[in-house]
């Protein structure tokens, strides 16, 4: 076989990029004009999965971020199917229970790793409108910080429409129906950097000096060309700070043991990641002893001083 036409000249270089894991988002693909109310009506349609009519990036596992669920509103949507997908990143190692609710039918799938080829069905809503407490998975043993691929399939007939997923550790006593949809800090997607928007930091967080027991406030300002919100994740010494997901972060009171701690902010868009410059805290020890009030400065007439009565 002649393979000379496929020969690669020596010293050739080829540029390519790999997809990036961007935290804070899930992808939601919508397939319109599909009749029926069962998930099979979506997966059996020729448009599924590679030809969605609409694509959105959500900041929580909740379709109402984009589509309103109230059938009385003009923006209500009928006869569509949807696929929400990305990765779930557990904040702690443990056994997690997932909860699902939707209008109409839906399915929740999870992979044992970041590869969607391993997706298996965890739980499903076969009709409509059950509460989280009615549709839930068996406990899943997951490792902190590891991405696990998931997908949520939903089929809407007519009327109200939504799909939401919640999660908690099996040891968490929170009632399922009181759980919010899974928030941005536990989510991510793999995005193509060649088609991603750009995020630019226009104001970096600043290093600060203050006396111990003070709080420190850090801020960052960024612009982006993607048309969606930027996801913020503040870090302390390279470790994510739970719940620190805004452009401004204020610490708790810091002590001399926190001297030279390094704060950074990681920013993300789908397919684009950026980390801020470091902001270092310098703690000034508070070695000034407390001063006692002089007894002579307290007037008996003030009521703050009472002479002792003699026992003799």
Protein backbone atom coordinates (compact mmCIF):
# COMPACT_ATOMS: atom_id res chain seq x y z
CA UNK A 1 0.00 0.00 0.00
CA UNK A 2 1.37 3.39 -1.01
CA UNK A 3 1.24 5.74 1.96
CA UNK A 4 3.61 8.36 0.58
CA UNK A 5 0.74 10.79 0.05
CA UNK A 6 0.08 10.69 3.80
CA UNK A 7 3.70 11.35 4.81
CA UNK A 8 4.20 14.19 7.31
CA UNK A 9 7.25 16.35 6.57
CA UNK A 10 9.87 16.38 9.28
CA UNK A 11 9.84 19.28 11.78
CA UNK A 12 6.14 19.85 11.13
CA UNK A 13 4.14 21.57 13.86
CA UNK A 14 0.40 21.44 14.40
CA UNK A 15 -1.47 23.66 16.82
CA UNK A 16 -4.51 22.30 18.64
CA UNK A 17 -6.43 22.97 21.82
CA UNK A 18 -8.14 20.61 24.22
CA UNK A 19 -11.49 21.32 25.83
CA UNK A 20 -11.39 22.95 29.24
CA UNK A 21 -13.38 22.18 32.36
CA UNK A 22 -15.09 25.46 33.24
CA UNK A 23 -16.73 25.57 36.66
CA UNK A 24 -20.01 27.25 37.47
CA UNK A 25 -22.17 26.22 34.51
CA UNK A 26 -24.21 23.42 32.98
CA UNK A 27 -25.36 23.25 29.39
CA UNK A 28 -29.06 23.07 28.58
CA UNK A 29 -30.05 22.00 25.05
CA UNK A 30 -33.67 22.45 23.98
CA UNK A 31 -35.35 20.56 21.12
CA UNK A 32 -38.56 22.27 20.00
CA UNK A 33 -41.67 21.04 18.18
CA UNK A 34 -41.63 17.47 19.51
CA UNK A 35 -45.00 16.01 20.47
CA UNK A 36 -45.68 13.76 23.44
CA UNK A 37 -44.82 13.90 27.12
CA UNK A 38 -42.46 10.93 27.60
CA UNK A 39 -38.64 11.03 27.59
CA UNK A 40 -38.71 8.42 24.80
CA UNK A 41 -40.40 11.03 22.58
CA UNK A 42 -37.25 13.14 22.93
CA UNK A 43 -34.61 10.44 22.59
CA UNK A 44 -36.44 8.90 19.62
CA UNK A 45 -36.48 12.16 17.69
CA UNK A 46 -33.97 12.64 14.87
CA UNK A 47 -32.75 15.96 16.33
CA UNK A 48 -31.57 14.33 19.54
CA UNK A 49 -28.84 14.70 20.73
CA UNK A 50 -26.72 16.63 18.24
CA UNK A 51 -29.19 19.13 16.74
CA UNK A 52 -30.74 21.26 19.50
CA UNK A 53 -32.78 24.26 18.44
CA UNK A 54 -31.65 26.33 21.42
CA UNK A 55 -28.65 26.16 23.78
CA UNK A 56 -28.24 27.91 27.12
CA UNK A 57 -25.71 27.87 29.95
CA UNK A 58 -27.33 27.66 33.37
CA UNK A 59 -25.79 28.59 36.70
CA UNK A 60 -27.76 25.95 38.61
CA UNK A 61 -29.58 22.72 37.82
CA UNK A 62 -32.87 24.50 37.21
CA UNK A 63 -34.47 25.13 33.82
CA UNK A 64 -36.53 28.02 35.22
CA UNK A 65 -33.37 30.13 34.99
CA UNK A 66 -34.40 30.41 31.32
CA UNK A 67 -37.93 29.04 30.87
CA UNK A 68 -40.69 30.25 33.19
CA UNK A 69 -42.84 27.39 34.58
CA UNK A 70 -46.16 29.26 34.78
CA UNK A 71 -48.47 28.22 31.92
CA UNK A 72 -50.39 31.51 32.20
CA UNK A 73 -47.37 33.52 31.10
CA UNK A 74 -46.80 34.32 27.41
CA UNK A 75 -43.26 32.93 27.54
CA UNK A 76 -44.54 29.45 28.46
CA UNK A 77 -43.18 26.74 26.20
CA UNK A 78 -44.95 23.57 25.00
CA UNK A 79 -44.02 20.40 23.15
CA UNK A 80 -40.29 20.46 23.59
CA UNK A 81 -37.62 18.19 25.02
CA UNK A 82 -34.43 19.17 26.83
CA UNK A 83 -31.07 17.80 27.89
CA UNK A 84 -29.15 19.36 30.79
CA UNK A 85 -25.58 18.12 31.00
CA UNK A 86 -22.15 18.72 32.46
CA UNK A 87 -20.27 17.48 35.52
CA UNK A 88 -21.06 17.46 39.23
CA UNK A 89 -18.08 18.19 41.51
CA UNK A 90 -18.72 17.12 45.14
CA UNK A 91 -17.49 19.53 47.80
CA UNK A 92 -16.74 16.67 50.22
CA UNK A 93 -16.24 12.91 50.06
CA UNK A 94 -19.36 11.00 51.05
CA UNK A 95 -22.60 9.34 50.00
CA UNK A 96 -24.83 11.68 47.98
CA UNK A 97 -28.56 11.40 47.29
CA UNK A 98 -29.92 13.18 44.19
CA UNK A 99 -33.50 14.44 43.93
CA UNK A 100 -35.46 15.11 40.74
CA UNK A 101 -38.68 16.97 39.95
CA UNK A 102 -40.14 18.04 36.63
CA UNK A 103 -43.13 18.85 34.42
CA UNK A 104 -43.55 16.58 32.51
CA UNK A 105 -41.38 13.41 32.52
CA UNK A 106 -37.64 13.38 33.21
CA UNK A 107 -34.61 11.17 33.89
CA UNK A 108 -31.39 11.75 35.84
CA UNK A 109 -28.20 9.95 34.74
CA UNK A 110 -24.76 9.89 36.38
CA UNK A 111 -21.36 8.50 35.38
CA UNK A 112 -18.78 7.00 37.79
CA UNK A 113 -16.25 9.50 36.39
CA UNK A 114 -16.00 12.47 34.02
CA UNK A 115 -16.64 10.31 30.95
CA UNK A 116 -20.29 10.51 29.77
CA UNK A 117 -19.89 7.10 28.15
CA UNK A 118 -20.47 5.63 31.62
CA UNK A 119 -23.82 7.32 32.27
CA UNK A 120 -26.36 5.15 34.12
CA UNK A 121 -29.93 5.96 35.10
CA UNK A 122 -30.30 7.06 38.74
CA UNK A 123 -33.99 7.97 38.97
CA UNK A 124 -36.88 9.17 36.84
CA UNK A 125 -40.17 11.02 36.88
CA UNK A 126 -42.56 9.13 34.58
CA UNK A 127 -45.48 11.53 34.66
CA UNK A 128 -45.50 15.03 36.17
CA UNK A 129 -44.96 17.27 39.09
CA UNK A 130 -43.88 15.05 41.97
CA UNK A 131 -41.87 16.63 44.78
CA UNK A 132 -38.18 16.02 45.47
CA UNK A 133 -39.21 13.75 48.33
CA UNK A 134 -40.87 11.38 45.86
CA UNK A 135 -38.19 11.03 43.17
CA UNK A 136 -34.66 10.33 44.39
CA UNK A 137 -31.62 8.14 43.80
CA UNK A 138 -29.85 5.55 45.87
CA UNK A 139 -26.86 6.96 47.76
CA UNK A 140 -23.84 7.48 45.49
CA UNK A 141 -20.31 7.25 46.95
CA UNK A 142 -18.42 10.23 45.48
CA UNK A 143 -14.99 11.76 46.06
CA UNK A 144 -14.41 15.42 46.86
CA UNK A 145 -13.23 17.52 43.92
CA UNK A 146 -13.70 14.77 41.32
CA UNK A 147 -15.92 15.61 38.31
CA UNK A 148 -18.77 13.19 37.57
CA UNK A 149 -20.58 13.47 34.23
CA UNK A 150 -24.37 13.74 34.38
CA UNK A 151 -27.32 14.41 32.15
CA UNK A 152 -30.95 15.26 32.82
CA UNK A 153 -33.48 14.49 30.11
CA UNK A 154 -36.90 16.17 30.18
CA UNK A 155 -39.97 16.04 27.95
CA UNK A 156 -42.64 18.70 28.11
CA UNK A 157 -46.10 18.23 26.63
CA UNK A 158 -48.15 21.35 27.36
CA UNK A 159 -48.92 23.64 30.26
CA UNK A 160 -46.37 24.36 32.97
CA UNK A 161 -42.81 23.17 32.40
CA UNK A 162 -39.63 22.81 34.45
CA UNK A 163 -36.90 20.40 35.48
CA UNK A 164 -34.79 20.72 38.64
CA UNK A 165 -32.23 18.60 40.51
CA UNK A 166 -31.15 18.86 44.15
CA UNK A 167 -28.51 16.92 46.08
CA UNK A 168 -27.36 16.37 49.66
CA UNK A 169 -25.13 14.11 51.67
CA UNK A 170 -27.00 11.14 53.12
CA UNK A 171 -26.08 12.42 56.60
CA UNK A 172 -27.64 15.85 55.96
CA UNK A 173 -30.93 16.13 57.91
CA UNK A 174 -32.39 18.77 55.56
CA UNK A 175 -35.85 17.79 54.29
CA UNK A 176 -35.67 17.03 50.53
CA UNK A 177 -38.41 19.50 49.66
CA UNK A 178 -36.45 22.28 51.39
CA UNK A 179 -33.38 21.74 49.18
CA UNK A 180 -32.51 24.30 46.49
CA UNK A 181 -31.45 23.22 42.98
CA UNK A 182 -27.76 22.27 42.79
CA UNK A 183 -25.81 25.58 42.74
CA UNK A 184 -23.06 26.78 40.41
CA UNK A 185 -20.13 26.01 42.72
CA UNK A 186 -20.76 22.25 42.39
CA UNK A 187 -21.11 22.27 38.60
CA UNK A 188 -18.99 22.48 35.46
CA UNK A 189 -18.87 21.84 31.74
CA UNK A 190 -16.16 20.97 29.26
CA UNK A 191 -16.03 23.83 26.76
CA UNK A 192 -14.20 24.51 23.53
CA UNK A 193 -11.71 27.37 24.04
CA UNK A 194 -11.70 28.06 20.30
CA UNK A 195 -15.36 29.12 20.42
CA UNK A 196 -15.45 30.55 23.95
CA UNK A 197 -15.83 34.18 24.84
CA UNK A 198 -13.06 36.16 26.47
CA UNK A 199 -12.91 37.27 30.07
CA UNK A 200 -10.61 40.14 31.02
CA UNK A 201 -9.70 41.28 34.52
CA UNK A 202 -9.80 45.08 34.65
CA UNK A 203 -9.24 45.36 38.41
CA UNK A 204 -7.13 42.85 40.31
CA UNK A 205 -7.59 42.10 44.04
CA UNK A 206 -5.13 44.08 46.12
CA UNK A 207 -2.76 42.94 48.88
CA UNK A 208 -3.63 44.41 52.27
CA UNK A 209 -2.12 45.05 55.70
CA UNK A 210 -4.08 45.34 58.93
CA UNK A 211 -3.92 44.56 62.60
CA UNK A 212 -4.86 41.07 63.75
CA UNK A 213 -8.55 40.31 64.48
CA UNK A 214 -9.49 42.55 61.51
CA UNK A 215 -11.47 41.37 58.50
CA UNK A 216 -10.16 41.85 54.96
CA UNK A 217 -12.28 42.57 51.90
CA UNK A 218 -11.10 41.68 48.39
CA UNK A 219 -12.75 42.62 45.11
CA UNK A 220 -12.24 41.92 41.45
CA UNK A 221 -13.74 43.48 38.32
CA UNK A 222 -13.96 41.64 35.00
CA UNK A 223 -15.52 42.07 31.59
CA UNK A 224 -16.50 39.33 29.15
CA UNK A 225 -17.63 38.95 25.55
CA UNK A 226 -19.75 35.84 26.08
CA UNK A 227 -23.01 37.48 27.07
CA UNK A 228 -23.41 35.55 30.31
CA UNK A 229 -22.36 36.01 33.91
CA UNK A 230 -18.83 35.23 34.98
CA UNK A 231 -18.45 32.54 37.63
CA UNK A 232 -16.24 33.60 40.55
CA UNK A 233 -14.46 31.24 42.94
CA UNK A 234 -12.23 32.74 45.63
CA UNK A 235 -9.36 30.62 46.89
CA UNK A 236 -7.22 30.68 50.03
CA UNK A 237 -3.71 29.31 49.50
CA UNK A 238 -4.90 27.52 46.35
CA UNK A 239 -7.97 25.89 47.94
CA UNK A 240 -11.54 26.88 47.02
CA UNK A 241 -13.43 28.74 49.75
CA UNK A 242 -16.97 27.27 49.97
CA UNK A 243 -19.65 29.80 49.04
CA UNK A 244 -17.17 32.52 48.01
CA UNK A 245 -18.65 33.03 44.54
CA UNK A 246 -19.13 36.76 44.13
CA UNK A 247 -16.94 39.56 42.82
CA UNK A 248 -16.37 40.71 46.42
CA UNK A 249 -15.17 38.46 49.23
CA UNK A 250 -14.81 39.46 52.88
CA UNK A 251 -12.88 37.21 55.24
CA UNK A 252 -13.74 36.36 58.81
CA UNK A 253 -11.47 37.91 61.45
CA UNK A 254 -7.86 37.00 60.76
CA UNK A 255 -5.08 36.42 63.29
CA UNK A 256 -1.28 36.39 63.22
CA UNK A 257 -1.38 32.73 62.15
CA UNK A 258 -2.95 33.98 58.89
CA UNK A 259 0.03 36.22 58.10
CA UNK A 260 1.06 36.04 54.43
CA UNK A 261 -2.04 34.07 53.45
CA UNK A 262 -2.64 34.25 49.69
CA UNK A 263 -6.07 34.98 48.21
CA UNK A 264 -6.87 34.57 44.54
CA UNK A 265 -10.04 34.53 42.46
CA UNK A 266 -10.66 32.01 39.71
CA UNK A 267 -13.01 33.22 36.95
CA UNK A 268 -14.76 31.08 34.37
CA UNK A 269 -16.90 31.26 31.25
CA UNK A 270 -17.91 28.20 29.23
CA UNK A 271 -14.59 27.18 27.65
CA UNK A 272 -12.54 29.96 29.26
CA UNK A 273 -10.75 30.09 32.62
CA UNK A 274 -8.68 32.84 34.19
CA UNK A 275 -7.03 33.27 37.59
CA UNK A 276 -6.38 36.63 39.22
CA UNK A 277 -3.11 37.94 40.58
CA UNK A 278 -2.45 36.98 44.21
CA UNK A 279 -3.52 39.24 47.06
CA UNK A 280 -1.42 38.73 50.18
CA UNK A 281 -2.52 39.64 53.68
CA UNK A 282 0.01 41.01 56.15
CA UNK A 283 -1.08 40.76 59.77
CA UNK A 284 0.26 43.26 62.30
CA UNK A 285 0.38 41.67 65.77
CA UNK A 286 -1.68 43.48 68.37
CA UNK A 287 0.80 43.50 71.27
CA UNK A 288 -0.61 46.54 73.06
CA UNK A 289 -1.84 45.43 76.51
CA UNK A 290 -5.32 46.52 77.61
CA UNK A 291 -5.51 49.57 79.88
CA UNK A 292 -7.57 49.39 83.07
CA UNK A 293 -9.74 52.38 83.99
CA UNK A 294 -8.37 54.34 86.94
CA UNK A 295 -10.40 53.98 90.14
CA UNK A 296 -10.00 57.69 90.70
CA UNK A 297 -11.81 58.39 87.45
CA UNK A 298 -14.99 56.71 88.61
CA UNK A 299 -17.28 59.05 90.53
CA UNK A 300 -19.40 57.58 93.32
CA UNK A 301 -22.22 59.82 92.11
CA UNK A 302 -22.20 58.06 88.76
CA UNK A 303 -23.59 54.91 90.29
CA UNK A 304 -20.70 52.89 88.87
CA UNK A 305 -18.89 52.86 92.22
CA UNK A 306 -20.15 51.60 95.50
CA UNK A 307 -17.98 51.62 98.66
CA UNK A 308 -17.82 48.40 100.63
CA UNK A 309 -19.38 48.43 104.03
CA UNK A 310 -17.10 47.57 106.90
CA UNK A 311 -17.92 44.48 108.91
CA UNK A 312 -16.54 46.14 112.03
